[in-house]
Amino acid sequence: MVEFICVIDIIYEHMCSICASEKSFSNRITEAREKLGLSQRAAAREWGFTQATLRAWESGDRNPAGLYKEKLERVLRRVLGE
């Protein structure tokens, strides 16, 4: 029983860290856009996404994946100096 509880604790901590990192990703997107002085609409157009997609990423409702995430990571590194 004790081992089972430990496994649940480990899984819970892992899930919390995933949520925290995804949330910080959405914050980084917003930070980069605001640093450039762009509206969501202008940033989406410039970066090649729809405004609805960018809004969902910034709010944390959805997360970019695949090529979109790679492209966005390049933008974030360039703008935020990461």
Protein backbone atom coordinates (compact mmCIF):
# COMPACT_ATOMS: atom_id res chain seq x y z
CA MET A 1 0.00 0.00 0.00
CA VAL A 2 2.80 2.43 0.85
CA GLU A 3 4.54 1.74 -2.48
CA PHE A 4 1.29 2.43 -4.35
CA ILE A 5 0.90 5.79 -2.61
CA CYS A 6 4.49 6.71 -3.48
CA VAL A 7 3.87 5.93 -7.15
CA ILE A 8 0.77 8.13 -7.14
CA ASP A 9 2.76 10.95 -5.53
CA ILE A 10 5.46 10.67 -8.20
CA ILE A 11 2.90 10.70 -11.01
CA TYR A 12 1.12 13.71 -9.48
CA GLU A 13 4.37 15.68 -9.15
CA HIS A 14 5.27 14.86 -12.76
CA MET A 15 1.86 16.01 -14.02
CA CYS A 16 2.16 19.25 -12.05
CA SER A 17 5.56 19.96 -13.55
CA ILE A 18 4.18 19.36 -17.06
CA CYS A 19 1.31 21.78 -16.43
CA ALA A 20 3.70 24.39 -15.04
CA SER A 21 6.06 24.15 -18.00
CA GLU A 22 3.21 24.41 -20.52
CA LYS A 23 1.81 27.43 -18.71
CA SER A 24 5.19 29.11 -18.77
CA PHE A 25 5.34 28.38 -22.51
CA SER A 26 2.08 30.28 -23.00
CA ASN A 27 3.46 33.13 -20.90
CA ARG A 28 6.60 33.21 -23.03
CA ILE A 29 4.50 33.55 -26.17
CA THR A 30 2.61 36.50 -24.72
CA GLU A 31 5.82 38.08 -23.42
CA ALA A 32 7.48 37.86 -26.83
CA ARG A 33 4.48 39.31 -28.62
CA GLU A 34 4.17 42.19 -26.17
CA LYS A 35 7.92 42.85 -26.29
CA LEU A 36 7.57 43.32 -30.05
CA GLY A 37 4.58 45.62 -29.53
CA LEU A 38 2.32 43.40 -31.63
CA SER A 39 -1.37 42.65 -31.24
CA GLN A 40 -2.40 39.00 -31.37
CA ARG A 41 -3.67 39.59 -34.88
CA ALA A 42 -0.44 41.18 -36.10
CA ALA A 43 1.78 38.58 -34.41
CA ALA A 44 -0.27 35.72 -35.80
CA ARG A 45 -0.02 37.16 -39.30
CA GLU A 46 3.73 37.80 -39.00
CA TRP A 47 4.49 34.38 -37.46
CA GLY A 48 2.23 32.44 -39.85
CA PHE A 49 -0.55 31.30 -37.50
CA THR A 50 -4.21 32.20 -37.21
CA GLN A 51 -5.24 34.64 -34.52
CA ALA A 52 -7.51 32.00 -32.97
CA THR A 53 -4.60 29.57 -32.73
CA LEU A 54 -2.32 32.16 -31.15
CA ARG A 55 -5.05 33.14 -28.69
CA ALA A 56 -5.49 29.49 -27.66
CA TRP A 57 -1.74 29.07 -27.17
CA GLU A 58 -1.43 32.24 -25.11
CA SER A 59 -4.35 31.28 -22.89
CA GLY A 60 -2.95 27.78 -22.39
CA ASP A 61 -6.09 26.17 -23.82
CA ARG A 62 -3.99 24.47 -26.50
CA ASN A 63 -0.30 23.82 -26.97
CA PRO A 64 1.64 24.05 -30.21
CA ALA A 65 3.06 20.80 -31.52
CA GLY A 66 5.35 19.60 -34.26
CA LEU A 67 6.54 22.15 -36.77
CA TYR A 68 4.41 24.89 -35.21
CA LYS A 69 6.16 24.45 -31.88
CA GLU A 70 9.58 24.39 -33.53
CA LYS A 71 8.82 27.59 -35.43
CA LEU A 72 7.48 29.28 -32.32
CA GLU A 73 10.52 28.19 -30.27
CA ARG A 74 12.79 29.89 -32.82
CA VAL A 75 10.74 33.10 -32.52
CA LEU A 76 10.84 32.95 -28.72
CA ARG A 77 14.60 32.39 -28.61
CA ARG A 78 15.18 35.29 -31.00
CA VAL A 79 12.83 37.74 -29.28
CA LEU A 80 13.43 36.76 -25.65
CA GLY A 81 17.14 36.04 -26.07
CA GLU A 82 16.87 32.50 -24.71
